[in-house]
mmCIF file of all heavy atoms, coordinates in Angstrom:
data_MODEL
# 
_entry.id   MODEL 
# 
loop_
_atom_site.group_PDB 
_atom_site.id 
_atom_site.type_symbol 
_atom_site.label_atom_id 
_atom_site.label_alt_id 
_atom_site.label_comp_id 
_atom_site.label_asym_id 
_atom_site.label_entity_id 
_atom_site.label_seq_id 
_atom_site.pdbx_PDB_ins_code 
_atom_site.Cartn_x 
_atom_site.Cartn_y 
_atom_site.Cartn_z 
_atom_site.occupancy 
_atom_site.B_iso_or_equiv 
_atom_site.pdbx_formal_charge 
_atom_site.auth_seq_id 
_atom_site.auth_comp_id 
_atom_site.auth_asym_id 
_atom_site.auth_atom_id 
_atom_site.pdbx_PDB_model_num 
ATOM 1   N N   . ASP A 1 1  ? 45.911 5.146  -19.690 1.00 0.00 ? 1  ASP A N   1 
ATOM 2   C CA  . ASP A 1 1  ? 46.308 5.290  -21.092 1.00 0.00 ? 1  ASP A CA  1 
ATOM 3   C C   . ASP A 1 1  ? 46.051 6.696  -21.666 1.00 0.00 ? 1  ASP A C   1 
ATOM 4   O O   . ASP A 1 1  ? 46.209 6.934  -22.910 1.00 0.00 ? 1  ASP A O   1 
ATOM 5   C CB  . ASP A 1 1  ? 45.663 4.273  -22.005 1.00 0.00 ? 1  ASP A CB  1 
ATOM 6   C CG  . ASP A 1 1  ? 44.121 4.350  -22.043 1.00 0.00 ? 1  ASP A CG  1 
ATOM 7   O OD1 . ASP A 1 1  ? 43.538 5.272  -21.349 1.00 0.00 ? 1  ASP A OD1 1 
ATOM 8   O OD2 . ASP A 1 1  ? 43.437 3.531  -22.651 1.00 0.00 ? 1  ASP A OD2 1 
ATOM 9   N N   . TYR A 1 2  ? 45.602 7.619  -20.850 1.00 0.00 ? 2  TYR A N   1 
ATOM 10  C CA  . TYR A 1 2  ? 45.297 8.972  -21.322 1.00 0.00 ? 2  TYR A CA  1 
ATOM 11  C C   . TYR A 1 2  ? 46.542 9.709  -21.961 1.00 0.00 ? 2  TYR A C   1 
ATOM 12  O O   . TYR A 1 2  ? 46.437 10.251 -22.974 1.00 0.00 ? 2  TYR A O   1 
ATOM 13  C CB  . TYR A 1 2  ? 44.707 9.846  -20.198 1.00 0.00 ? 2  TYR A CB  1 
ATOM 14  C CG  . TYR A 1 2  ? 44.289 11.237 -20.703 1.00 0.00 ? 2  TYR A CG  1 
ATOM 15  C CD1 . TYR A 1 2  ? 43.100 11.417 -21.317 1.00 0.00 ? 2  TYR A CD1 1 
ATOM 16  C CD2 . TYR A 1 2  ? 45.119 12.330 -20.483 1.00 0.00 ? 2  TYR A CD2 1 
ATOM 17  C CE1 . TYR A 1 2  ? 42.782 12.739 -21.792 1.00 0.00 ? 2  TYR A CE1 1 
ATOM 18  C CE2 . TYR A 1 2  ? 44.821 13.563 -20.890 1.00 0.00 ? 2  TYR A CE2 1 
ATOM 19  C CZ  . TYR A 1 2  ? 43.576 13.730 -21.505 1.00 0.00 ? 2  TYR A CZ  1 
ATOM 20  O OH  . TYR A 1 2  ? 43.234 14.985 -22.020 1.00 0.00 ? 2  TYR A OH  1 
ATOM 21  N N   . ASP A 1 3  ? 47.696 9.560  -21.268 1.00 0.00 ? 3  ASP A N   1 
ATOM 22  C CA  . ASP A 1 3  ? 48.827 10.175 -21.820 1.00 0.00 ? 3  ASP A CA  1 
ATOM 23  C C   . ASP A 1 3  ? 49.252 9.632  -23.137 1.00 0.00 ? 3  ASP A C   1 
ATOM 24  O O   . ASP A 1 3  ? 49.667 10.338 -24.058 1.00 0.00 ? 3  ASP A O   1 
ATOM 25  C CB  . ASP A 1 3  ? 49.961 10.057 -20.773 1.00 0.00 ? 3  ASP A CB  1 
ATOM 26  C CG  . ASP A 1 3  ? 49.857 10.986 -19.646 1.00 0.00 ? 3  ASP A CG  1 
ATOM 27  O OD1 . ASP A 1 3  ? 49.043 12.012 -19.735 1.00 0.00 ? 3  ASP A OD1 1 
ATOM 28  O OD2 . ASP A 1 3  ? 50.513 10.842 -18.560 1.00 0.00 ? 3  ASP A OD2 1 
ATOM 29  N N   . ALA A 1 4  ? 49.159 8.295  -23.266 1.00 0.00 ? 4  ALA A N   1 
ATOM 30  C CA  . ALA A 1 4  ? 49.553 7.652  -24.484 1.00 0.00 ? 4  ALA A CA  1 
ATOM 31  C C   . ALA A 1 4  ? 48.641 8.039  -25.731 1.00 0.00 ? 4  ALA A C   1 
ATOM 32  O O   . ALA A 1 4  ? 49.078 8.156  -26.842 1.00 0.00 ? 4  ALA A O   1 
ATOM 33  C CB  . ALA A 1 4  ? 49.618 6.144  -24.307 1.00 0.00 ? 4  ALA A CB  1 
ATOM 34  N N   . THR A 1 5  ? 47.342 8.138  -25.388 1.00 0.00 ? 5  THR A N   1 
ATOM 35  C CA  . THR A 1 5  ? 46.400 8.419  -26.453 1.00 0.00 ? 5  THR A CA  1 
ATOM 36  C C   . THR A 1 5  ? 46.201 9.854  -26.734 1.00 0.00 ? 5  THR A C   1 
ATOM 37  O O   . THR A 1 5  ? 45.616 10.240 -27.781 1.00 0.00 ? 5  THR A O   1 
ATOM 38  C CB  . THR A 1 5  ? 44.987 7.753  -26.052 1.00 0.00 ? 5  THR A CB  1 
ATOM 39  O OG1 . THR A 1 5  ? 44.569 8.365  -24.853 1.00 0.00 ? 5  THR A OG1 1 
ATOM 40  C CG2 . THR A 1 5  ? 45.124 6.262  -25.927 1.00 0.00 ? 5  THR A CG2 1 
ATOM 41  N N   . PHE A 1 6  ? 46.592 10.820 -25.831 1.00 0.00 ? 6  PHE A N   1 
ATOM 42  C CA  . PHE A 1 6  ? 46.484 12.256 -26.144 1.00 0.00 ? 6  PHE A CA  1 
ATOM 43  C C   . PHE A 1 6  ? 47.682 13.019 -25.754 1.00 0.00 ? 6  PHE A C   1 
ATOM 44  O O   . PHE A 1 6  ? 48.349 13.602 -26.601 1.00 0.00 ? 6  PHE A O   1 
ATOM 45  C CB  . PHE A 1 6  ? 45.257 12.801 -25.424 1.00 0.00 ? 6  PHE A CB  1 
ATOM 46  C CG  . PHE A 1 6  ? 45.127 14.288 -25.714 1.00 0.00 ? 6  PHE A CG  1 
ATOM 47  C CD1 . PHE A 1 6  ? 44.847 14.762 -26.981 1.00 0.00 ? 6  PHE A CD1 1 
ATOM 48  C CD2 . PHE A 1 6  ? 45.267 15.136 -24.614 1.00 0.00 ? 6  PHE A CD2 1 
ATOM 49  C CE1 . PHE A 1 6  ? 44.726 16.139 -27.235 1.00 0.00 ? 6  PHE A CE1 1 
ATOM 50  C CE2 . PHE A 1 6  ? 45.186 16.590 -24.891 1.00 0.00 ? 6  PHE A CE2 1 
ATOM 51  C CZ  . PHE A 1 6  ? 44.900 16.983 -26.168 1.00 0.00 ? 6  PHE A CZ  1 
ATOM 52  N N   . THR A 1 7  ? 48.038 13.046 -24.437 1.00 0.00 ? 7  THR A N   1 
ATOM 53  C CA  . THR A 1 7  ? 49.133 13.927 -23.971 1.00 0.00 ? 7  THR A CA  1 
ATOM 54  C C   . THR A 1 7  ? 50.386 13.772 -24.736 1.00 0.00 ? 7  THR A C   1 
ATOM 55  O O   . THR A 1 7  ? 51.018 14.783 -25.178 1.00 0.00 ? 7  THR A O   1 
ATOM 56  C CB  . THR A 1 7  ? 49.372 13.681 -22.523 1.00 0.00 ? 7  THR A CB  1 
ATOM 57  O OG1 . THR A 1 7  ? 48.183 13.783 -21.724 1.00 0.00 ? 7  THR A OG1 1 
ATOM 58  C CG2 . THR A 1 7  ? 50.500 14.602 -21.943 1.00 0.00 ? 7  THR A CG2 1 
ATOM 59  N N   . ASP A 1 8  ? 50.838 12.578 -25.011 1.00 0.00 ? 8  ASP A N   1 
ATOM 60  C CA  . ASP A 1 8  ? 52.158 12.330 -25.691 1.00 0.00 ? 8  ASP A CA  1 
ATOM 61  C C   . ASP A 1 8  ? 52.052 12.255 -27.208 1.00 0.00 ? 8  ASP A C   1 
ATOM 62  O O   . ASP A 1 8  ? 53.071 12.065 -27.820 1.00 0.00 ? 8  ASP A O   1 
ATOM 63  C CB  . ASP A 1 8  ? 52.742 11.085 -25.134 1.00 0.00 ? 8  ASP A CB  1 
ATOM 64  C CG  . ASP A 1 8  ? 53.004 11.116 -23.562 1.00 0.00 ? 8  ASP A CG  1 
ATOM 65  O OD1 . ASP A 1 8  ? 53.244 12.249 -23.148 1.00 0.00 ? 8  ASP A OD1 1 
ATOM 66  O OD2 . ASP A 1 8  ? 53.026 10.053 -22.947 1.00 0.00 ? 8  ASP A OD2 1 
ATOM 67  N N   . THR A 1 9  ? 50.903 12.454 -27.756 1.00 0.00 ? 9  THR A N   1 
ATOM 68  C CA  . THR A 1 9  ? 50.782 12.527 -29.179 1.00 0.00 ? 9  THR A CA  1 
ATOM 69  C C   . THR A 1 9  ? 51.259 13.846 -29.750 1.00 0.00 ? 9  THR A C   1 
ATOM 70  O O   . THR A 1 9  ? 51.247 14.888 -29.010 1.00 0.00 ? 9  THR A O   1 
ATOM 71  C CB  . THR A 1 9  ? 49.353 12.281 -29.713 1.00 0.00 ? 9  THR A CB  1 
ATOM 72  O OG1 . THR A 1 9  ? 48.480 13.388 -29.257 1.00 0.00 ? 9  THR A OG1 1 
ATOM 73  C CG2 . THR A 1 9  ? 48.805 10.966 -29.103 1.00 0.00 ? 9  THR A CG2 1 
ATOM 74  N N   . LEU A 1 10 ? 51.606 13.887 -30.987 1.00 0.00 ? 10 LEU A N   1 
ATOM 75  C CA  . LEU A 1 10 ? 52.030 15.108 -31.593 1.00 0.00 ? 10 LEU A CA  1 
ATOM 76  C C   . LEU A 1 10 ? 50.875 16.149 -31.581 1.00 0.00 ? 10 LEU A C   1 
ATOM 77  O O   . LEU A 1 10 ? 51.212 17.317 -31.215 1.00 0.00 ? 10 LEU A O   1 
ATOM 78  C CB  . LEU A 1 10 ? 52.431 14.841 -33.077 1.00 0.00 ? 10 LEU A CB  1 
ATOM 79  C CG  . LEU A 1 10 ? 53.088 15.999 -33.822 1.00 0.00 ? 10 LEU A CG  1 
ATOM 80  C CD1 . LEU A 1 10 ? 54.393 16.487 -33.177 1.00 0.00 ? 10 LEU A CD1 1 
ATOM 81  C CD2 . LEU A 1 10 ? 53.379 15.548 -35.278 1.00 0.00 ? 10 LEU A CD2 1 
ATOM 82  N N   . LEU A 1 11 ? 49.718 15.741 -31.861 1.00 0.00 ? 11 LEU A N   1 
ATOM 83  C CA  . LEU A 1 11 ? 48.534 16.669 -31.813 1.00 0.00 ? 11 LEU A CA  1 
ATOM 84  C C   . LEU A 1 11 ? 48.390 17.188 -30.386 1.00 0.00 ? 11 LEU A C   1 
ATOM 85  O O   . LEU A 1 11 ? 48.155 18.449 -30.137 1.00 0.00 ? 11 LEU A O   1 
ATOM 86  C CB  . LEU A 1 11 ? 47.258 15.978 -32.304 1.00 0.00 ? 11 LEU A CB  1 
ATOM 87  C CG  . LEU A 1 11 ? 46.026 16.783 -32.233 1.00 0.00 ? 11 LEU A CG  1 
ATOM 88  C CD1 . LEU A 1 11 ? 46.108 18.013 -33.062 1.00 0.00 ? 11 LEU A CD1 1 
ATOM 89  C CD2 . LEU A 1 11 ? 44.834 15.907 -32.622 1.00 0.00 ? 11 LEU A CD2 1 
ATOM 90  N N   . GLY A 1 12 ? 48.388 16.298 -29.403 1.00 0.00 ? 12 GLY A N   1 
ATOM 91  C CA  . GLY A 1 12 ? 48.242 16.748 -28.035 1.00 0.00 ? 12 GLY A CA  1 
ATOM 92  C C   . GLY A 1 12 ? 49.232 17.721 -27.570 1.00 0.00 ? 12 GLY A C   1 
ATOM 93  O O   . GLY A 1 12 ? 48.886 18.726 -26.889 1.00 0.00 ? 12 GLY A O   1 
ATOM 94  N N   . ARG A 1 13 ? 50.521 17.528 -27.962 1.00 0.00 ? 13 ARG A N   1 
ATOM 95  C CA  . ARG A 1 13 ? 51.567 18.461 -27.585 1.00 0.00 ? 13 ARG A CA  1 
ATOM 96  C C   . ARG A 1 13 ? 51.379 19.822 -28.269 1.00 0.00 ? 13 ARG A C   1 
ATOM 97  O O   . ARG A 1 13 ? 51.534 20.941 -27.579 1.00 0.00 ? 13 ARG A O   1 
ATOM 98  C CB  . ARG A 1 13 ? 52.951 17.909 -27.965 1.00 0.00 ? 13 ARG A CB  1 
ATOM 99  C CG  . ARG A 1 13 ? 53.324 16.731 -27.171 1.00 0.00 ? 13 ARG A CG  1 
ATOM 100 C CD  . ARG A 1 13 ? 54.836 16.419 -27.247 1.00 0.00 ? 13 ARG A CD  1 
ATOM 101 N NE  . ARG A 1 13 ? 55.255 16.136 -28.625 1.00 0.00 ? 13 ARG A NE  1 
ATOM 102 C CZ  . ARG A 1 13 ? 55.283 14.968 -29.166 1.00 0.00 ? 13 ARG A CZ  1 
ATOM 103 N NH1 . ARG A 1 13 ? 54.927 13.886 -28.519 1.00 0.00 ? 13 ARG A NH1 1 
ATOM 104 N NH2 . ARG A 1 13 ? 55.738 14.781 -30.454 1.00 0.00 ? 13 ARG A NH2 1 
ATOM 105 N N   . TRP A 1 14 ? 50.957 19.848 -29.498 1.00 0.00 ? 14 TRP A N   1 
ATOM 106 C CA  . TRP A 1 14 ? 50.790 21.163 -30.169 1.00 0.00 ? 14 TRP A CA  1 
ATOM 107 C C   . TRP A 1 14 ? 49.615 21.906 -29.577 1.00 0.00 ? 14 TRP A C   1 
ATOM 108 O O   . TRP A 1 14 ? 49.690 23.032 -29.259 1.00 0.00 ? 14 TRP A O   1 
ATOM 109 C CB  . TRP A 1 14 ? 50.441 20.849 -31.683 1.00 0.00 ? 14 TRP A CB  1 
ATOM 110 C CG  . TRP A 1 14 ? 51.645 20.587 -32.504 1.00 0.00 ? 14 TRP A CG  1 
ATOM 111 C CD1 . TRP A 1 14 ? 52.963 20.935 -32.244 1.00 0.00 ? 14 TRP A CD1 1 
ATOM 112 C CD2 . TRP A 1 14 ? 51.647 19.950 -33.756 1.00 0.00 ? 14 TRP A CD2 1 
ATOM 113 N NE1 . TRP A 1 14 ? 53.785 20.483 -33.261 1.00 0.00 ? 14 TRP A NE1 1 
ATOM 114 C CE2 . TRP A 1 14 ? 53.039 19.857 -34.213 1.00 0.00 ? 14 TRP A CE2 1 
ATOM 115 C CE3 . TRP A 1 14 ? 50.668 19.396 -34.582 1.00 0.00 ? 14 TRP A CE3 1 
ATOM 116 C CZ2 . TRP A 1 14 ? 53.426 19.384 -35.439 1.00 0.00 ? 14 TRP A CZ2 1 
ATOM 117 C CZ3 . TRP A 1 14 ? 51.089 18.806 -35.811 1.00 0.00 ? 14 TRP A CZ3 1 
ATOM 118 C CH2 . TRP A 1 14 ? 52.359 18.792 -36.217 1.00 0.00 ? 14 TRP A CH2 1 
ATOM 119 N N   . LEU A 1 15 ? 48.490 21.212 -29.311 1.00 0.00 ? 15 LEU A N   1 
ATOM 120 C CA  . LEU A 1 15 ? 47.360 21.873 -28.741 1.00 0.00 ? 15 LEU A CA  1 
ATOM 121 C C   . LEU A 1 15 ? 47.588 22.414 -27.328 1.00 0.00 ? 15 LEU A C   1 
ATOM 122 O O   . LEU A 1 15 ? 47.215 23.520 -26.998 1.00 0.00 ? 15 LEU A O   1 
ATOM 123 C CB  . LEU A 1 15 ? 46.127 20.939 -28.723 1.00 0.00 ? 15 LEU A CB  1 
ATOM 124 C CG  . LEU A 1 15 ? 45.536 20.490 -30.055 1.00 0.00 ? 15 LEU A CG  1 
ATOM 125 C CD1 . LEU A 1 15 ? 44.390 19.445 -29.893 1.00 0.00 ? 15 LEU A CD1 1 
ATOM 126 C CD2 . LEU A 1 15 ? 44.923 21.737 -30.758 1.00 0.00 ? 15 LEU A CD2 1 
ATOM 127 N N   . ARG A 1 16 ? 48.336 21.612 -26.498 1.00 0.00 ? 16 ARG A N   1 
ATOM 128 C CA  . ARG A 1 16 ? 48.626 22.090 -25.180 1.00 0.00 ? 16 ARG A CA  1 
ATOM 129 C C   . ARG A 1 16 ? 49.568 23.267 -25.209 1.00 0.00 ? 16 ARG A C   1 
ATOM 130 O O   . ARG A 1 16 ? 49.478 24.259 -24.405 1.00 0.00 ? 16 ARG A O   1 
ATOM 131 C CB  . ARG A 1 16 ? 49.223 20.944 -24.412 1.00 0.00 ? 16 ARG A CB  1 
ATOM 132 C CG  . ARG A 1 16 ? 49.077 21.113 -22.873 1.00 0.00 ? 16 ARG A CG  1 
ATOM 133 C CD  . ARG A 1 16 ? 49.624 19.884 -22.109 1.00 0.00 ? 16 ARG A CD  1 
ATOM 134 N NE  . ARG A 1 16 ? 48.859 18.705 -22.297 1.00 0.00 ? 16 ARG A NE  1 
ATOM 135 C CZ  . ARG A 1 16 ? 47.777 18.314 -21.633 1.00 0.00 ? 16 ARG A CZ  1 
ATOM 136 N NH1 . ARG A 1 16 ? 47.357 19.081 -20.679 1.00 0.00 ? 16 ARG A NH1 1 
ATOM 137 N NH2 . ARG A 1 16 ? 47.192 17.182 -21.826 1.00 0.00 ? 16 ARG A NH2 1 
ATOM 138 N N   . ASP A 1 17 ? 50.560 23.277 -26.131 1.00 0.00 ? 17 ASP A N   1 
ATOM 139 C CA  . ASP A 1 17 ? 51.430 24.447 -26.227 1.00 0.00 ? 17 ASP A CA  1 
ATOM 140 C C   . ASP A 1 17 ? 50.692 25.737 -26.675 1.00 0.00 ? 17 ASP A C   1 
ATOM 141 O O   . ASP A 1 17 ? 50.995 26.796 -26.112 1.00 0.00 ? 17 ASP A O   1 
ATOM 142 C CB  . ASP A 1 17 ? 52.529 24.144 -27.310 1.00 0.00 ? 17 ASP A CB  1 
ATOM 143 C CG  . ASP A 1 17 ? 53.577 23.194 -26.797 1.00 0.00 ? 17 ASP A CG  1 
ATOM 144 O OD1 . ASP A 1 17 ? 53.626 22.879 -25.563 1.00 0.00 ? 17 ASP A OD1 1 
ATOM 145 O OD2 . ASP A 1 17 ? 54.320 22.610 -27.615 1.00 0.00 ? 17 ASP A OD2 1 
ATOM 146 N N   . ILE A 1 18 ? 49.706 25.561 -27.587 1.00 0.00 ? 18 ILE A N   1 
ATOM 147 C CA  . ILE A 1 18 ? 48.940 26.759 -27.932 1.00 0.00 ? 18 ILE A CA  1 
ATOM 148 C C   . ILE A 1 18 ? 48.138 27.340 -26.829 1.00 0.00 ? 18 ILE A C   1 
ATOM 149 O O   . ILE A 1 18 ? 48.074 28.558 -26.613 1.00 0.00 ? 18 ILE A O   1 
ATOM 150 C CB  . ILE A 1 18 ? 48.012 26.416 -29.102 1.00 0.00 ? 18 ILE A CB  1 
ATOM 151 C CG1 . ILE A 1 18 ? 48.787 26.112 -30.367 1.00 0.00 ? 18 ILE A CG1 1 
ATOM 152 C CG2 . ILE A 1 18 ? 47.042 27.584 -29.397 1.00 0.00 ? 18 ILE A CG2 1 
ATOM 153 C CD1 . ILE A 1 18 ? 47.967 25.519 -31.525 1.00 0.00 ? 18 ILE A CD1 1 
ATOM 154 N N   . VAL A 1 19 ? 47.596 26.438 -25.969 1.00 0.00 ? 19 VAL A N   1 
ATOM 155 C CA  . VAL A 1 19 ? 46.902 26.876 -24.756 1.00 0.00 ? 19 VAL A CA  1 
ATOM 156 C C   . VAL A 1 19 ? 47.863 27.584 -23.859 1.00 0.00 ? 19 VAL A C   1 
ATOM 157 O O   . VAL A 1 19 ? 47.677 28.739 -23.303 1.00 0.00 ? 19 VAL A O   1 
ATOM 158 C CB  . VAL A 1 19 ? 46.228 25.714 -24.082 1.00 0.00 ? 19 VAL A CB  1 
ATOM 159 C CG1 . VAL A 1 19 ? 45.671 26.171 -22.664 1.00 0.00 ? 19 VAL A CG1 1 
ATOM 160 C CG2 . VAL A 1 19 ? 45.058 25.177 -24.830 1.00 0.00 ? 19 VAL A CG2 1 
ATOM 161 N N   . ARG A 1 20 ? 49.028 26.966 -23.554 1.00 0.00 ? 20 ARG A N   1 
ATOM 162 C CA  . ARG A 1 20 ? 49.936 27.453 -22.467 1.00 0.00 ? 20 ARG A CA  1 
ATOM 163 C C   . ARG A 1 20 ? 50.470 28.833 -22.849 1.00 0.00 ? 20 ARG A C   1 
ATOM 164 O O   . ARG A 1 20 ? 50.774 29.613 -21.982 1.00 0.00 ? 20 ARG A O   1 
ATOM 165 C CB  . ARG A 1 20 ? 51.095 26.438 -22.323 1.00 0.00 ? 20 ARG A CB  1 
ATOM 166 C CG  . ARG A 1 20 ? 50.589 25.174 -21.607 1.00 0.00 ? 20 ARG A CG  1 
ATOM 167 C CD  . ARG A 1 20 ? 51.723 24.209 -21.481 1.00 0.00 ? 20 ARG A CD  1 
ATOM 168 N NE  . ARG A 1 20 ? 51.329 23.012 -20.773 1.00 0.00 ? 20 ARG A NE  1 
ATOM 169 C CZ  . ARG A 1 20 ? 52.085 21.865 -20.560 1.00 0.00 ? 20 ARG A CZ  1 
ATOM 170 N NH1 . ARG A 1 20 ? 53.236 21.848 -21.087 1.00 0.00 ? 20 ARG A NH1 1 
ATOM 171 N NH2 . ARG A 1 20 ? 51.612 20.907 -19.828 1.00 0.00 ? 20 ARG A NH2 1 
ATOM 172 N N   . GLU A 1 21 ? 50.643 29.112 -24.137 1.00 0.00 ? 21 GLU A N   1 
ATOM 173 C CA  . GLU A 1 21 ? 51.209 30.411 -24.571 1.00 0.00 ? 21 GLU A CA  1 
ATOM 174 C C   . GLU A 1 21 ? 50.296 31.578 -24.119 1.00 0.00 ? 21 GLU A C   1 
ATOM 175 O O   . GLU A 1 21 ? 50.715 32.738 -24.150 1.00 0.00 ? 21 GLU A O   1 
ATOM 176 C CB  . GLU A 1 21 ? 51.398 30.389 -26.114 1.00 0.00 ? 21 GLU A CB  1 
ATOM 177 C CG  . GLU A 1 21 ? 52.565 29.522 -26.520 1.00 0.00 ? 21 GLU A CG  1 
ATOM 178 C CD  . GLU A 1 21 ? 52.534 29.408 -28.062 1.00 0.00 ? 21 GLU A CD  1 
ATOM 179 O OE1 . GLU A 1 21 ? 51.694 29.971 -28.770 1.00 0.00 ? 21 GLU A OE1 1 
ATOM 180 O OE2 . GLU A 1 21 ? 53.367 28.615 -28.622 1.00 0.00 ? 21 GLU A OE2 1 
ATOM 181 N N   . ARG A 1 22 ? 49.068 31.229 -23.874 1.00 0.00 ? 22 ARG A N   1 
ATOM 182 C CA  . ARG A 1 22 ? 48.005 32.309 -23.471 1.00 0.00 ? 22 ARG A CA  1 
ATOM 183 C C   . ARG A 1 22 ? 47.496 32.270 -22.077 1.00 0.00 ? 22 ARG A C   1 
ATOM 184 O O   . ARG A 1 22 ? 46.610 32.982 -21.758 1.00 0.00 ? 22 ARG A O   1 
ATOM 185 C CB  . ARG A 1 22 ? 46.912 32.167 -24.554 1.00 0.00 ? 22 ARG A CB  1 
ATOM 186 C CG  . ARG A 1 22 ? 47.358 32.462 -25.923 1.00 0.00 ? 22 ARG A CG  1 
ATOM 187 C CD  . ARG A 1 22 ? 46.421 31.920 -27.022 1.00 0.00 ? 22 ARG A CD  1 
ATOM 188 N NE  . ARG A 1 22 ? 46.868 32.375 -28.297 1.00 0.00 ? 22 ARG A NE  1 
ATOM 189 C CZ  . ARG A 1 22 ? 47.867 31.773 -28.970 1.00 0.00 ? 22 ARG A CZ  1 
ATOM 190 N NH1 . ARG A 1 22 ? 48.488 30.734 -28.464 1.00 0.00 ? 22 ARG A NH1 1 
ATOM 191 N NH2 . ARG A 1 22 ? 48.285 32.181 -30.158 1.00 0.00 ? 22 ARG A NH2 1 
ATOM 192 N N   . ILE A 1 23 ? 48.168 31.518 -21.188 1.00 0.00 ? 23 ILE A N   1 
ATOM 193 C CA  . ILE A 1 23 ? 47.787 31.479 -19.736 1.00 0.00 ? 23 ILE A CA  1 
ATOM 194 C C   . ILE A 1 23 ? 48.546 32.506 -19.012 1.00 0.00 ? 23 ILE A C   1 
ATOM 195 O O   . ILE A 1 23 ? 49.811 32.537 -19.029 1.00 0.00 ? 23 ILE A O   1 
ATOM 196 C CB  . ILE A 1 23 ? 48.028 30.105 -19.194 1.00 0.00 ? 23 ILE A CB  1 
ATOM 197 C CG1 . ILE A 1 23 ? 47.321 29.031 -20.026 1.00 0.00 ? 23 ILE A CG1 1 
ATOM 198 C CG2 . ILE A 1 23 ? 47.654 30.071 -17.681 1.00 0.00 ? 23 ILE A CG2 1 
ATOM 199 C CD1 . ILE A 1 23 ? 45.819 29.187 -20.081 1.00 0.00 ? 23 ILE A CD1 1 
ATOM 200 N N   . PRO A 1 24 ? 47.895 33.523 -18.396 1.00 0.00 ? 24 PRO A N   1 
ATOM 201 C CA  . PRO A 1 24 ? 48.617 34.576 -17.728 1.00 0.00 ? 24 PRO A CA  1 
ATOM 202 C C   . PRO A 1 24 ? 49.129 34.324 -16.318 1.00 0.00 ? 24 PRO A C   1 
ATOM 203 O O   . PRO A 1 24 ? 49.089 35.202 -15.426 1.00 0.00 ? 24 PRO A O   1 
ATOM 204 C CB  . PRO A 1 24 ? 47.467 35.679 -17.663 1.00 0.00 ? 24 PRO A CB  1 
ATOM 205 C CG  . PRO A 1 24 ? 46.277 34.945 -17.508 1.00 0.00 ? 24 PRO A CG  1 
ATOM 206 C CD  . PRO A 1 24 ? 46.428 33.625 -18.319 1.00 0.00 ? 24 PRO A CD  1 
ATOM 207 N N   . VAL A 1 25 ? 49.668 33.142 -16.090 1.00 0.00 ? 25 VAL A N   1 
ATOM 208 C CA  . VAL A 1 25 ? 50.140 32.721 -14.804 1.00 0.00 ? 25 VAL A CA  1 
ATOM 209 C C   . VAL A 1 25 ? 51.500 33.486 -14.467 1.00 0.00 ? 25 VAL A C   1 
ATOM 210 O O   . VAL A 1 25 ? 52.286 33.739 -15.372 1.00 0.00 ? 25 VAL A O   1 
ATOM 211 C CB  . VAL A 1 25 ? 50.391 31.186 -14.759 1.00 0.00 ? 25 VAL A CB  1 
ATOM 212 C CG1 . VAL A 1 25 ? 51.426 30.765 -15.752 1.00 0.00 ? 25 VAL A CG1 1 
ATOM 213 C CG2 . VAL A 1 25 ? 50.765 30.798 -13.328 1.00 0.00 ? 25 VAL A CG2 1 
ATOM 214 N N   . GLN A 1 26 ? 51.589 33.870 -13.195 1.00 0.00 ? 26 GLN A N   1 
ATOM 215 C CA  . GLN A 1 26 ? 52.755 34.524 -12.729 1.00 0.00 ? 26 GLN A CA  1 
ATOM 216 C C   . GLN A 1 26 ? 53.360 33.733 -11.545 1.00 0.00 ? 26 GLN A C   1 
ATOM 217 O O   . GLN A 1 26 ? 52.638 33.057 -10.821 1.00 0.00 ? 26 GLN A O   1 
ATOM 218 C CB  . GLN A 1 26 ? 52.455 35.992 -12.223 1.00 0.00 ? 26 GLN A CB  1 
ATOM 219 C CG  . GLN A 1 26 ? 51.856 36.907 -13.309 1.00 0.00 ? 26 GLN A CG  1 
ATOM 220 C CD  . GLN A 1 26 ? 52.865 37.238 -14.356 1.00 0.00 ? 26 GLN A CD  1 
ATOM 221 O OE1 . GLN A 1 26 ? 54.044 37.432 -14.082 1.00 0.00 ? 26 GLN A OE1 1 
ATOM 222 N NE2 . GLN A 1 26 ? 52.413 37.349 -15.569 1.00 0.00 ? 26 GLN A NE2 1 
ATOM 223 N N   . ALA A 1 27 ? 54.697 33.875 -11.403 1.00 0.00 ? 27 ALA A N   1 
ATOM 224 C CA  . ALA A 1 27 ? 55.295 33.189 -10.216 1.00 0.00 ? 27 ALA A CA  1 
ATOM 225 C C   . ALA A 1 27 ? 54.658 33.678 -8.980  1.00 0.00 ? 27 ALA A C   1 
ATOM 226 O O   . ALA A 1 27 ? 54.426 34.842 -8.754  1.00 0.00 ? 27 ALA A O   1 
ATOM 227 C CB  . ALA A 1 27 ? 56.832 33.527 -10.249 1.00 0.00 ? 27 ALA A CB  1 
# 
């Protein structure tokens, strides 16, 4: 139930997006 209670919530998506914008991963 982790995705339902956090990953797929509006708050979870916003927080994850903020993190991802700052990850210096390269192909």
